[in-house]
Amino acid sequence: MPQRDLGELGYLLKYHPFVKNHDLPKIEPEFREKIKKFLESKFIKAPQIYGEPLRGTFKGFWKQRLGEYVITFKVNGREIVILAIKHRKDIFTPTSMTESLKERHD
């Protein structure tokens, strides 16, 4: 899933390279398509409405649950950066959250 500029909708959707190379290949193709449709339709119009802000150490980052997966992201002005897409049982371990958010944010 490459970077998407959906102009009139106001947000530029970008995927961290690790998401494209590591997270997405682990997801079944039909669910990958479902994630893509969600991100490029409803979500890109108003990510703060659909997402939930993270707290504490991860303040400034957001999450969105879609089925069994959690999408973690950061909104920078009019840009949404997808930092991780992982199964919900894997995303909330301390190591996974740190790796997915703090290290991928650079």
C-alpha atoms as a PDB file:
ATOM      1  CA  MET A   1       0.000   0.000   0.000  1.00  0.00           C
ATOM      2  CA  PRO A   2       1.811   3.129  -1.147  1.00  0.00           C
ATOM      3  CA  GLN A   3       1.416   6.647   0.124  1.00  0.00           C
ATOM      4  CA  ARG A   4      -2.001   8.038  -0.830  1.00  0.00           C
ATOM      5  CA  ASP A   5      -2.804  11.679  -1.495  1.00  0.00           C
ATOM      6  CA  LEU A   6      -6.551  12.008  -1.530  1.00  0.00           C
ATOM      7  CA  GLY A   7      -6.412  15.789  -2.036  1.00  0.00           C
ATOM      8  CA  GLU A   8      -9.964  16.969  -1.522  1.00  0.00           C
ATOM      9  CA  LEU A   9     -10.270  14.888   1.642  1.00  0.00           C
ATOM     10  CA  GLY A  10      -7.492  16.871   3.239  1.00  0.00           C
ATOM     11  CA  TYR A  11      -5.148  14.161   4.585  1.00  0.00           C
ATOM     12  CA  LEU A  12      -2.112  12.473   3.118  1.00  0.00           C
ATOM     13  CA  LEU A  13      -1.954   8.817   4.157  1.00  0.00           C
ATOM     14  CA  LYS A  14       1.554   7.381   4.546  1.00  0.00           C
ATOM     15  CA  TYR A  15       2.672   3.916   5.623  1.00  0.00           C
ATOM     16  CA  HIS A  16       5.884   3.427   7.561  1.00  0.00           C
ATOM     17  CA  PRO A  17       8.205   1.120   5.537  1.00  0.00           C
ATOM     18  CA  PHE A  18       8.111  -1.480   8.333  1.00  0.00           C
ATOM     19  CA  VAL A  19       4.316  -1.657   7.996  1.00  0.00           C
ATOM     20  CA  LYS A  20       4.605  -2.365   4.267  1.00  0.00           C
ATOM     21  CA  ASN A  21       7.460  -4.841   4.600  1.00  0.00           C
ATOM     22  CA  HIS A  22       6.671  -6.590   7.877  1.00  0.00           C
ATOM     23  CA  ASP A  23       3.137  -6.020   9.223  1.00  0.00           C
ATOM     24  CA  LEU A  24       1.012  -6.218   6.063  1.00  0.00           C
ATOM     25  CA  PRO A  25       2.499  -9.450   4.664  1.00  0.00           C
ATOM     26  CA  LYS A  26       1.408 -11.241   7.859  1.00  0.00           C
ATOM     27  CA  ILE A  27      -2.260 -10.311   7.294  1.00  0.00           C
ATOM     28  CA  GLU A  28      -4.543 -12.420   5.103  1.00  0.00           C
ATOM     29  CA  PRO A  29      -5.093 -10.768   1.678  1.00  0.00           C
ATOM     30  CA  GLU A  30      -8.866 -10.357   2.110  1.00  0.00           C
ATOM     31  CA  PHE A  31      -8.415  -8.586   5.452  1.00  0.00           C
ATOM     32  CA  ARG A  32      -5.601  -6.429   4.026  1.00  0.00           C
ATOM     33  CA  GLU A  33      -8.110  -5.224   1.435  1.00  0.00           C
ATOM     34  CA  LYS A  34     -10.656  -4.484   4.170  1.00  0.00           C
ATOM     35  CA  ILE A  35      -8.053  -2.424   6.060  1.00  0.00           C
ATOM     36  CA  LYS A  36      -7.110  -0.541   2.893  1.00  0.00           C
ATOM     37  CA  LYS A  37     -10.747   0.294   2.100  1.00  0.00           C
ATOM     38  CA  PHE A  38     -11.367   1.527   5.643  1.00  0.00           C
ATOM     39  CA  LEU A  39      -8.224   3.680   5.735  1.00  0.00           C
ATOM     40  CA  GLU A  40      -8.827   5.199   2.304  1.00  0.00           C
ATOM     41  CA  SER A  41     -12.524   5.939   2.782  1.00  0.00           C
ATOM     42  CA  LYS A  42     -13.951   6.793   6.218  1.00  0.00           C
ATOM     43  CA  PHE A  43     -10.742   7.014   8.213  1.00  0.00           C
ATOM     44  CA  ILE A  44      -8.857   9.443   5.976  1.00  0.00           C
ATOM     45  CA  LYS A  45     -11.661  11.982   6.281  1.00  0.00           C
ATOM     46  CA  ALA A  46     -11.452  12.280  10.070  1.00  0.00           C
ATOM     47  CA  PRO A  47      -8.877  10.054  11.800  1.00  0.00           C
ATOM     48  CA  GLN A  48      -9.432  11.683  15.205  1.00  0.00           C
ATOM     49  CA  ILE A  49     -13.128  10.763  15.096  1.00  0.00           C
ATOM     50  CA  TYR A  50     -12.488   7.096  14.333  1.00  0.00           C
ATOM     51  CA  GLY A  51      -9.289   6.654  16.303  1.00  0.00           C
ATOM     52  CA  GLU A  52      -8.708   6.679  20.032  1.00  0.00           C
ATOM     53  CA  PRO A  53      -5.798   8.639  21.542  1.00  0.00           C
ATOM     54  CA  LEU A  54      -3.191   6.704  23.467  1.00  0.00           C
ATOM     55  CA  ARG A  55      -2.122   7.905  26.913  1.00  0.00           C
ATOM     56  CA  GLY A  56       0.922   8.069  29.112  1.00  0.00           C
ATOM     57  CA  THR A  57       4.215   7.332  27.391  1.00  0.00           C
ATOM     58  CA  PHE A  58       2.407   7.069  24.057  1.00  0.00           C
ATOM     59  CA  LYS A  59       0.547  10.375  24.257  1.00  0.00           C
ATOM     60  CA  GLY A  60       0.354  11.895  20.780  1.00  0.00           C
ATOM     61  CA  PHE A  61      -0.182   8.515  19.120  1.00  0.00           C
ATOM     62  CA  TRP A  62      -3.551   7.021  18.182  1.00  0.00           C
ATOM     63  CA  LYS A  63      -5.086   3.588  17.692  1.00  0.00           C
ATOM     64  CA  GLN A  64      -7.976   2.233  15.673  1.00  0.00           C
ATOM     65  CA  ARG A  65      -9.293  -1.283  16.090  1.00  0.00           C
ATOM     66  CA  LEU A  66     -10.589  -2.999  12.980  1.00  0.00           C
ATOM     67  CA  GLY A  67     -11.723  -6.552  13.584  1.00  0.00           C
ATOM     68  CA  GLU A  68      -8.913  -8.495  15.225  1.00  0.00           C
ATOM     69  CA  TYR A  69      -6.301  -5.906  14.220  1.00  0.00           C
ATOM     70  CA  VAL A  70      -5.143  -2.631  15.732  1.00  0.00           C
ATOM     71  CA  ILE A  71      -3.839   0.180  13.562  1.00  0.00           C
ATOM     72  CA  THR A  72      -1.521   2.588  15.369  1.00  0.00           C
ATOM     73  CA  PHE A  73      -0.855   5.961  13.821  1.00  0.00           C
ATOM     74  CA  LYS A  74       0.213   9.564  14.324  1.00  0.00           C
ATOM     75  CA  VAL A  75      -1.417  12.651  12.864  1.00  0.00           C
ATOM     76  CA  ASN A  76       1.038  15.378  11.836  1.00  0.00           C
ATOM     77  CA  GLY A  77      -0.943  18.317  10.536  1.00  0.00           C
ATOM     78  CA  ARG A  78      -2.699  17.006   7.414  1.00  0.00           C
ATOM     79  CA  GLU A  79      -0.625  13.821   7.274  1.00  0.00           C
ATOM     80  CA  ILE A  80      -1.525  10.459   8.799  1.00  0.00           C
ATOM     81  CA  VAL A  81       1.413   8.108   9.336  1.00  0.00           C
ATOM     82  CA  ILE A  82       0.460   4.458   9.839  1.00  0.00           C
ATOM     83  CA  LEU A  83       3.082   3.093  12.244  1.00  0.00           C
ATOM     84  CA  ALA A  84       1.826  -0.447  12.845  1.00  0.00           C
ATOM     85  CA  ILE A  85      -0.953  -2.837  11.899  1.00  0.00           C
ATOM     86  CA  LYS A  86      -0.852  -5.822  14.223  1.00  0.00           C
ATOM     87  CA  HIS A  87      -3.143  -8.452  15.664  1.00  0.00           C
ATOM     88  CA  ARG A  88      -4.695  -7.178  18.882  1.00  0.00           C
ATOM     89  CA  LYS A  89      -3.038  -9.911  20.967  1.00  0.00           C
ATOM     90  CA  ASP A  90       0.399  -8.772  19.762  1.00  0.00           C
ATOM     91  CA  ILE A  91       0.151  -4.973  19.741  1.00  0.00           C
ATOM     92  CA  PHE A  92      -0.230  -4.234  23.437  1.00  0.00           C
ATOM     93  CA  THR A  93       2.864  -5.929  24.803  1.00  0.00           C
ATOM     94  CA  PRO A  94       5.326  -3.308  26.137  1.00  0.00           C
ATOM     95  CA  THR A  95       8.052  -4.333  23.682  1.00  0.00           C
ATOM     96  CA  SER A  96       5.682  -4.276  20.713  1.00  0.00           C
ATOM     97  CA  MET A  97       4.261  -0.850  21.551  1.00  0.00           C
ATOM     98  CA  THR A  98       7.708   0.668  22.013  1.00  0.00           C
ATOM     99  CA  GLU A  99       8.988  -0.874  18.786  1.00  0.00           C
ATOM    100  CA  SER A 100       5.898   0.049  16.811  1.00  0.00           C
ATOM    101  CA  LEU A 101       5.524   3.627  17.941  1.00  0.00           C
ATOM    102  CA  LYS A 102       8.630   5.212  19.366  1.00  0.00           C
ATOM    103  CA  GLU A 103      11.172   3.589  17.034  1.00  0.00           C
ATOM    104  CA  ARG A 104       9.034   3.821  13.882  1.00  0.00           C
ATOM    105  CA  HIS A 105       8.102   7.424  14.481  1.00  0.00           C
ATOM    106  CA  ASP A 106      11.493   8.744  13.313  1.00  0.00           C
END
